[in-house]
């Protein structure tokens, strides 16, 4: 089959095939691979959360984990109110923001 493709390309050379291959490699390393890594990191982060951890949900709600269930978290927010969220609603990026020191102005 590859021989047939090469014979059809014939006069044009291998340049179009090489360019297509390079585009596929670049697409993989800049689009697919980082997304898969991000998903793995998010899953690992959510699995490691425990009672008392500060979190931020994807909706922007800040709170502390009060209870951990199999697929949900009970998050305690201001004034002792408790809201149940699905584990997928916890944001990895926003939670990292909680651990960074605030910017200082001069």
Protein backbone atom coordinates (compact mmCIF):
# COMPACT_ATOMS: atom_id res chain seq x y z
CA UNK A 1 0.00 0.00 0.00
CA UNK A 2 2.80 2.42 0.87
CA UNK A 3 4.48 1.55 -2.43
CA UNK A 4 1.27 2.46 -4.26
CA UNK A 5 1.11 5.83 -2.48
CA UNK A 6 4.76 6.51 -3.26
CA UNK A 7 4.22 5.64 -6.94
CA UNK A 8 1.22 7.98 -7.11
CA UNK A 9 3.21 10.81 -5.53
CA UNK A 10 5.97 10.06 -8.06
CA UNK A 11 6.64 13.37 -9.78
CA UNK A 12 5.94 15.50 -6.71
CA UNK A 13 8.48 13.75 -4.52
CA UNK A 14 8.13 12.98 -0.85
CA UNK A 15 7.91 16.58 0.32
CA UNK A 16 4.10 16.62 0.82
CA UNK A 17 4.21 13.38 2.82
CA UNK A 18 7.05 14.64 4.99
CA UNK A 19 5.23 17.93 5.63
CA UNK A 20 2.04 16.07 6.57
CA UNK A 21 4.02 13.89 8.97
CA UNK A 22 5.67 16.91 10.58
CA UNK A 23 2.32 18.64 11.02
CA UNK A 24 0.95 15.51 12.72
CA UNK A 25 3.94 15.37 15.11
CA UNK A 26 3.67 19.07 15.99
CA UNK A 27 -0.09 18.71 16.54
CA UNK A 28 0.52 15.79 18.92
CA UNK A 29 3.20 17.52 21.01
CA UNK A 30 1.48 20.91 21.23
CA UNK A 31 -2.20 19.92 21.47
CA UNK A 32 -2.86 16.32 22.51
CA UNK A 33 -0.02 15.53 24.91
CA UNK A 34 -0.42 18.61 27.17
CA UNK A 35 -4.19 18.07 27.42
CA UNK A 36 -3.76 14.44 28.50
CA UNK A 37 -1.17 15.49 31.10
CA UNK A 38 -3.51 18.18 32.44
CA UNK A 39 -6.35 15.65 32.78
CA UNK A 40 -4.10 13.22 34.68
CA UNK A 41 -2.93 15.99 37.03
CA UNK A 42 -6.53 17.08 37.70
CA UNK A 43 -7.64 13.52 38.46
CA UNK A 44 -4.68 12.94 40.81
CA UNK A 45 -5.32 16.25 42.59
CA UNK A 46 -9.02 15.47 43.19
CA UNK A 47 -8.22 11.96 44.45
CA UNK A 48 -5.75 13.36 47.01
CA UNK A 49 -8.13 15.96 48.50
CA UNK A 50 -9.13 15.35 52.11
CA UNK A 51 -11.19 16.95 54.85
CA UNK A 52 -9.94 20.42 55.76
CA UNK A 53 -8.33 21.26 52.40
CA UNK A 54 -9.13 24.68 50.96
CA UNK A 55 -10.57 24.52 47.45
CA UNK A 56 -12.10 26.71 44.77
CA UNK A 57 -14.80 25.27 42.53
CA UNK A 58 -15.07 25.87 38.80
CA UNK A 59 -17.96 28.22 39.65
CA UNK A 60 -15.59 30.34 41.76
CA UNK A 61 -16.87 29.33 45.20
CA UNK A 62 -14.15 29.31 47.86
CA UNK A 63 -14.43 26.97 50.79
CA UNK A 64 -13.00 24.17 52.90
CA UNK A 65 -13.80 20.50 52.42
CA UNK A 66 -16.05 19.37 55.27
CA UNK A 67 -16.81 15.82 54.13
CA UNK A 68 -15.57 13.54 51.34
CA UNK A 69 -17.94 11.03 49.71
CA UNK A 70 -17.30 8.69 46.80
CA UNK A 71 -18.26 11.12 44.04
CA UNK A 72 -18.95 14.36 45.93
CA UNK A 73 -17.50 16.83 48.41
CA UNK A 74 -19.39 18.71 51.08
CA UNK A 75 -17.76 22.14 51.09
CA UNK A 76 -18.14 24.55 53.99
CA UNK A 77 -18.28 28.19 52.94
CA UNK A 78 -18.63 31.43 54.91
CA UNK A 79 -20.85 31.49 58.00
CA UNK A 80 -20.83 27.69 58.25
CA UNK A 81 -23.03 27.07 55.20
CA UNK A 82 -22.36 23.73 53.53
CA UNK A 83 -22.83 22.97 49.86
CA UNK A 84 -22.43 19.58 48.14
CA UNK A 85 -20.40 19.58 44.91
CA UNK A 86 -19.42 16.88 42.47
CA UNK A 87 -15.70 16.08 42.61
CA UNK A 88 -15.27 17.27 39.04
CA UNK A 89 -16.33 20.79 40.12
CA UNK A 90 -13.07 21.38 42.02
CA UNK A 91 -10.62 23.43 39.98
CA UNK A 92 -6.93 22.56 40.00
CA UNK A 93 -5.75 25.95 38.73
CA UNK A 94 -7.83 27.97 41.16
CA UNK A 95 -6.70 25.80 44.08
CA UNK A 96 -3.08 26.47 43.16
CA UNK A 97 -3.90 30.17 43.30
CA UNK A 98 -4.86 29.79 46.97
CA UNK A 99 -1.32 28.68 47.81
CA UNK A 100 0.46 31.58 46.09
CA UNK A 101 1.33 34.65 48.15
CA UNK A 102 -0.55 37.84 47.26
CA UNK A 103 1.19 40.35 45.02
CA UNK A 104 2.63 43.37 46.78
CA UNK A 105 2.40 46.88 45.41
CA UNK A 106 4.97 49.60 45.93
